[in-house]
């Protein structure tokens, strides 16, 4: 394995774990609020489940695509796709922080 590919592997692992952790908090809160809203109305609950499944599917797809690109020796593409995982997690985290600050 080439020396620079070690850094790509480290970036893939850290960015995907970071994206998952950053996305986990908003998705967990959305799931809890969806359950709470289910007692009053069913429609917000289904929107929450669709949102959670959509984000998880996107993160999972980007993770798989980045590792496929890495194994095909396309390190730049793999790094960009893995960075998108981190970006999605960061955007969800920032959006949830903004929604909590604006609602209180």
N, C-alpha and C. Protein backbone atom coordinates (compact mmCIF):
# COMPACT_ATOMS: atom_id res chain seq x y z
N UNK A 1 0.86 -1.17 0.00
CA UNK A 1 0.00 0.00 0.00
C UNK A 1 0.90 1.23 0.00
N UNK A 2 0.60 2.15 -0.88
CA UNK A 2 1.39 3.36 -0.98
C UNK A 2 1.21 4.21 0.27
N UNK A 3 2.20 5.04 0.51
CA UNK A 3 2.21 5.85 1.73
C UNK A 3 1.01 6.79 1.80
N UNK A 4 0.64 7.43 0.68
CA UNK A 4 -0.47 8.37 0.71
C UNK A 4 -1.83 7.68 0.86
N UNK A 5 -1.91 6.41 0.47
CA UNK A 5 -3.18 5.67 0.61
C UNK A 5 -3.51 5.40 2.07
N UNK A 6 -2.52 5.37 2.94
CA UNK A 6 -2.78 5.21 4.37
C UNK A 6 -3.56 6.41 4.88
N UNK A 7 -3.18 7.60 4.44
CA UNK A 7 -3.91 8.80 4.85
C UNK A 7 -5.33 8.81 4.29
N UNK A 8 -5.51 8.28 3.11
CA UNK A 8 -6.86 8.19 2.53
C UNK A 8 -7.72 7.25 3.36
N UNK A 9 -7.15 6.12 3.78
CA UNK A 9 -7.90 5.19 4.62
C UNK A 9 -8.27 5.84 5.95
N UNK A 10 -7.32 6.54 6.54
CA UNK A 10 -7.61 7.24 7.81
C UNK A 10 -8.71 8.28 7.60
N UNK A 11 -8.64 9.03 6.50
CA UNK A 11 -9.67 10.03 6.21
C UNK A 11 -11.03 9.37 6.00
N UNK A 12 -11.06 8.26 5.27
CA UNK A 12 -12.33 7.56 5.04
C UNK A 12 -12.95 7.12 6.36
N UNK A 13 -12.16 6.52 7.21
CA UNK A 13 -12.69 6.03 8.48
C UNK A 13 -13.15 7.18 9.37
N UNK A 14 -12.32 8.19 9.53
CA UNK A 14 -12.67 9.29 10.43
C UNK A 14 -13.86 10.11 9.93
N UNK A 15 -13.88 10.40 8.63
CA UNK A 15 -14.98 11.22 8.12
C UNK A 15 -16.31 10.46 8.15
N UNK A 16 -16.28 9.17 7.88
CA UNK A 16 -17.52 8.40 7.91
C UNK A 16 -18.01 8.20 9.33
N UNK A 17 -17.11 7.96 10.26
CA UNK A 17 -17.52 7.86 11.66
C UNK A 17 -18.02 9.21 12.18
N UNK A 18 -17.31 10.28 11.81
CA UNK A 18 -17.75 11.61 12.22
C UNK A 18 -19.11 11.97 11.64
N UNK A 19 -19.31 11.65 10.38
CA UNK A 19 -20.62 11.91 9.76
C UNK A 19 -21.73 11.12 10.42
N UNK A 20 -21.44 9.87 10.77
CA UNK A 20 -22.45 9.04 11.43
C UNK A 20 -22.77 9.57 12.82
N UNK A 21 -21.76 9.98 13.56
CA UNK A 21 -22.00 10.51 14.91
C UNK A 21 -22.74 11.84 14.84
N UNK A 22 -22.33 12.71 13.92
CA UNK A 22 -23.01 13.99 13.80
C UNK A 22 -24.45 13.83 13.32
N UNK A 23 -24.71 12.85 12.49
CA UNK A 23 -26.07 12.62 11.99
C UNK A 23 -26.91 11.85 13.00
N UNK A 24 -26.27 11.14 13.90
CA UNK A 24 -27.01 10.31 14.85
C UNK A 24 -27.82 11.15 15.83
N UNK A 25 -27.25 12.23 16.32
CA UNK A 25 -27.97 13.06 17.30
C UNK A 25 -29.25 13.67 16.71
N UNK A 26 -29.21 14.32 15.55
CA UNK A 26 -30.47 14.84 14.99
C UNK A 26 -31.46 13.74 14.63
N UNK A 27 -30.97 12.62 14.12
CA UNK A 27 -31.88 11.54 13.75
C UNK A 27 -32.52 10.92 14.99
N UNK A 28 -31.77 10.83 16.06
CA UNK A 28 -32.32 10.31 17.31
C UNK A 28 -33.37 11.25 17.86
N UNK A 29 -33.09 12.55 17.82
CA UNK A 29 -34.08 13.52 18.27
C UNK A 29 -35.32 13.53 17.38
N UNK A 30 -35.12 13.41 16.08
CA UNK A 30 -36.26 13.37 15.17
C UNK A 30 -37.11 12.13 15.43
N UNK A 31 -36.45 11.02 15.72
CA UNK A 31 -37.20 9.81 16.03
C UNK A 31 -37.99 9.93 17.32
N UNK A 32 -37.40 10.53 18.33
CA UNK A 32 -38.10 10.73 19.61
C UNK A 32 -39.27 11.68 19.42
N UNK A 33 -39.05 12.78 18.72
CA UNK A 33 -40.15 13.72 18.49
C UNK A 33 -41.23 13.11 17.60
N UNK A 34 -40.82 12.26 16.66
CA UNK A 34 -41.79 11.57 15.82
C UNK A 34 -42.68 10.65 16.65
N UNK A 35 -42.07 9.96 17.61
CA UNK A 35 -42.86 9.09 18.48
C UNK A 35 -43.82 9.92 19.34
N UNK A 36 -43.34 11.05 19.81
CA UNK A 36 -44.21 11.90 20.62
C UNK A 36 -45.35 12.48 19.79
N UNK A 37 -45.05 12.84 18.54
CA UNK A 37 -46.10 13.38 17.68
C UNK A 37 -47.08 12.30 17.24
N UNK A 38 -46.67 11.05 17.30
CA UNK A 38 -47.54 9.95 16.88
C UNK A 38 -48.76 9.84 17.81
N UNK A 39 -48.62 10.30 19.03
CA UNK A 39 -49.75 10.24 19.94
C UNK A 39 -50.84 11.23 19.54
N UNK A 40 -50.44 12.34 18.89
CA UNK A 40 -51.42 13.35 18.48
C UNK A 40 -51.90 13.16 17.05
N UNK A 41 -50.99 12.85 16.16
CA UNK A 41 -51.35 12.70 14.74
C UNK A 41 -50.37 11.73 14.10
N UNK A 42 -50.81 11.02 13.10
CA UNK A 42 -49.95 10.03 12.46
C UNK A 42 -49.08 10.62 11.36
N UNK A 43 -49.52 11.67 10.73
CA UNK A 43 -48.79 12.18 9.57
C UNK A 43 -47.37 12.63 9.90
N UNK A 44 -47.11 13.42 10.95
CA UNK A 44 -45.72 13.80 11.23
C UNK A 44 -44.82 12.60 11.54
N UNK A 45 -45.40 11.56 12.12
CA UNK A 45 -44.63 10.36 12.43
C UNK A 45 -44.09 9.72 11.15
N UNK A 46 -44.92 9.63 10.14
CA UNK A 46 -44.48 9.02 8.89
C UNK A 46 -43.45 9.88 8.16
N UNK A 47 -43.59 11.21 8.25
CA UNK A 47 -42.60 12.09 7.66
C UNK A 47 -41.26 11.93 8.37
N UNK A 48 -41.29 11.76 9.68
CA UNK A 48 -40.06 11.58 10.43
C UNK A 48 -39.39 10.26 10.06
N UNK A 49 -40.16 9.20 9.96
CA UNK A 49 -39.59 7.91 9.57
C UNK A 49 -39.00 7.99 8.16
N UNK A 50 -39.69 8.66 7.24
CA UNK A 50 -39.17 8.81 5.88
C UNK A 50 -37.87 9.62 5.88
N UNK A 51 -37.81 10.66 6.71
CA UNK A 51 -36.60 11.48 6.81
C UNK A 51 -35.43 10.66 7.35
N UNK A 52 -35.67 9.89 8.40
CA UNK A 52 -34.61 9.08 8.99
C UNK A 52 -34.12 8.03 7.99
N UNK A 53 -35.03 7.36 7.34
CA UNK A 53 -34.64 6.34 6.35
C UNK A 53 -33.89 6.97 5.17
N UNK A 54 -34.31 8.13 4.74
CA UNK A 54 -33.64 8.81 3.64
C UNK A 54 -32.21 9.20 3.98
N UNK A 55 -32.01 9.76 5.17
CA UNK A 55 -30.67 10.15 5.58
C UNK A 55 -29.78 8.93 5.78
N UNK A 56 -30.31 7.91 6.42
CA UNK A 56 -29.51 6.70 6.63
C UNK A 56 -29.15 6.03 5.32
N UNK A 57 -30.10 6.00 4.37
CA UNK A 57 -29.81 5.41 3.07
C UNK A 57 -28.74 6.21 2.33
N UNK A 58 -28.81 7.53 2.42
CA UNK A 58 -27.82 8.37 1.76
C UNK A 58 -26.44 8.15 2.37
N UNK A 59 -26.35 8.15 3.70
CA UNK A 59 -25.06 7.94 4.35
C UNK A 59 -24.50 6.55 4.02
N UNK A 60 -25.35 5.55 4.03
CA UNK A 60 -24.92 4.19 3.73
C UNK A 60 -24.44 4.09 2.27
N UNK A 61 -25.17 4.70 1.36
CA UNK A 61 -24.79 4.66 -0.06
C UNK A 61 -23.46 5.38 -0.31
N UNK A 62 -23.28 6.54 0.32
CA UNK A 62 -22.03 7.26 0.14
C UNK A 62 -20.85 6.50 0.74
N UNK A 63 -21.09 5.84 1.86
CA UNK A 63 -20.02 5.05 2.48
C UNK A 63 -19.60 3.90 1.57
N UNK A 64 -20.56 3.19 1.06
CA UNK A 64 -20.25 2.07 0.15
C UNK A 64 -19.55 2.57 -1.11
N UNK A 65 -20.06 3.66 -1.68
CA UNK A 65 -19.46 4.20 -2.90
C UNK A 65 -18.03 4.68 -2.67
N UNK A 66 -17.78 5.27 -1.52
CA UNK A 66 -16.42 5.74 -1.25
C UNK A 66 -15.43 4.59 -1.09
N UNK A 67 -15.85 3.51 -0.44
CA UNK A 67 -14.95 2.36 -0.30
C UNK A 67 -14.75 1.64 -1.64
N UNK A 68 -15.77 1.60 -2.48
CA UNK A 68 -15.60 1.02 -3.81
C UNK A 68 -14.61 1.84 -4.63
N UNK A 69 -14.75 3.17 -4.55
CA UNK A 69 -13.81 4.04 -5.26
C UNK A 69 -12.39 3.86 -4.73
N UNK A 70 -12.26 3.69 -3.42
CA UNK A 70 -10.93 3.49 -2.85
C UNK A 70 -10.30 2.19 -3.35
N UNK A 71 -11.06 1.13 -3.37
CA UNK A 71 -10.51 -0.15 -3.83
C UNK A 71 -10.24 -0.16 -5.33
N UNK A 72 -10.84 0.75 -6.05
CA UNK A 72 -10.53 0.88 -7.48
C UNK A 72 -9.40 1.88 -7.72
N UNK A 73 -8.77 2.30 -6.62
CA UNK A 73 -7.62 3.21 -6.63
C UNK A 73 -7.97 4.60 -7.15
N UNK A 74 -9.19 5.04 -6.87
CA UNK A 74 -9.61 6.40 -7.18
C UNK A 74 -9.71 7.15 -5.86
N UNK A 75 -8.54 7.52 -5.34
CA UNK A 75 -8.45 8.08 -3.99
C UNK A 75 -9.14 9.44 -3.87
N UNK A 76 -9.03 10.26 -4.90
CA UNK A 76 -9.64 11.58 -4.84
C UNK A 76 -11.17 11.47 -4.77
N UNK A 77 -11.75 10.62 -5.58
CA UNK A 77 -13.20 10.41 -5.58
C UNK A 77 -13.65 9.83 -4.24
N UNK A 78 -12.88 8.88 -3.71
CA UNK A 78 -13.21 8.28 -2.43
C UNK A 78 -13.18 9.31 -1.32
N UNK A 79 -12.19 10.19 -1.34
CA UNK A 79 -12.10 11.24 -0.32
C UNK A 79 -13.25 12.22 -0.41
N UNK A 80 -13.64 12.57 -1.61
CA UNK A 80 -14.76 13.51 -1.79
C UNK A 80 -16.07 12.88 -1.33
N UNK A 81 -16.31 11.64 -1.71
CA UNK A 81 -17.54 10.96 -1.28
C UNK A 81 -17.60 10.79 0.23
N UNK A 82 -16.46 10.49 0.82
CA UNK A 82 -16.41 10.35 2.28
C UNK A 82 -16.59 11.70 2.96
N UNK A 83 -16.07 12.75 2.34
CA UNK A 83 -16.28 14.09 2.87
C UNK A 83 -17.75 14.50 2.82
N UNK A 84 -18.47 14.01 1.82
CA UNK A 84 -19.90 14.28 1.74
C UNK A 84 -20.65 13.64 2.91
N UNK A 85 -20.19 12.48 3.36
CA UNK A 85 -20.79 11.87 4.56
C UNK A 85 -20.63 12.79 5.76
N UNK A 86 -19.43 13.33 5.91
CA UNK A 86 -19.18 14.25 7.02
C UNK A 86 -19.99 15.53 6.85
N UNK A 87 -20.13 16.01 5.63
CA UNK A 87 -20.89 17.23 5.38
C UNK A 87 -22.37 17.05 5.70
N UNK A 88 -22.94 15.90 5.32
CA UNK A 88 -24.35 15.64 5.62
C UNK A 88 -24.57 15.60 7.13
N UNK A 89 -23.68 14.93 7.84
CA UNK A 89 -23.80 14.88 9.29
C UNK A 89 -23.68 16.25 9.93
N UNK A 90 -22.73 17.05 9.45
CA UNK A 90 -22.55 18.40 10.00
C UNK A 90 -23.75 19.28 9.69
N UNK A 91 -24.30 19.20 8.49
CA UNK A 91 -25.47 20.01 8.14
C UNK A 91 -26.67 19.63 9.00
N UNK A 92 -26.88 18.34 9.21
CA UNK A 92 -27.98 17.91 10.08
C UNK A 92 -27.79 18.39 11.51
N UNK A 93 -26.57 18.31 12.00
CA UNK A 93 -26.30 18.75 13.36
C UNK A 93 -26.52 20.25 13.52
N UNK A 94 -26.02 21.03 12.56
CA UNK A 94 -26.18 22.49 12.61
C UNK A 94 -27.65 22.87 12.45
N UNK A 95 -28.37 22.18 11.57
CA UNK A 95 -29.79 22.48 11.38
C UNK A 95 -30.58 22.18 12.65
N UNK A 96 -30.27 21.09 13.32
CA UNK A 96 -30.97 20.76 14.55
C UNK A 96 -30.66 21.78 15.64
N UNK A 97 -29.40 22.23 15.74
CA UNK A 97 -29.05 23.26 16.71
C UNK A 97 -29.81 24.55 16.40
N UNK A 98 -29.90 24.92 15.13
CA UNK A 98 -30.60 26.13 14.74
C UNK A 98 -32.09 26.02 15.06
N UNK A 99 -32.69 24.86 14.81
CA UNK A 99 -34.11 24.69 15.09
C UNK A 99 -34.41 24.77 16.58
N UNK A 100 -33.51 24.23 17.41
CA UNK A 100 -33.73 24.31 18.85
C UNK A 100 -33.57 25.72 19.37
N UNK A 101 -32.59 26.46 18.83
CA UNK A 101 -32.39 27.84 19.27
C UNK A 101 -33.52 28.73 18.81
N UNK A 102 -34.04 28.50 17.60
CA UNK A 102 -35.11 29.36 17.09
C UNK A 102 -36.46 29.02 17.72
N UNK A 103 -36.64 27.79 18.21
CA UNK A 103 -37.92 27.43 18.82
C UNK A 103 -38.03 27.88 20.26
N UNK A 104 -36.90 28.12 20.91
CA UNK A 104 -36.97 28.53 22.33
C UNK A 104 -36.88 30.02 22.50
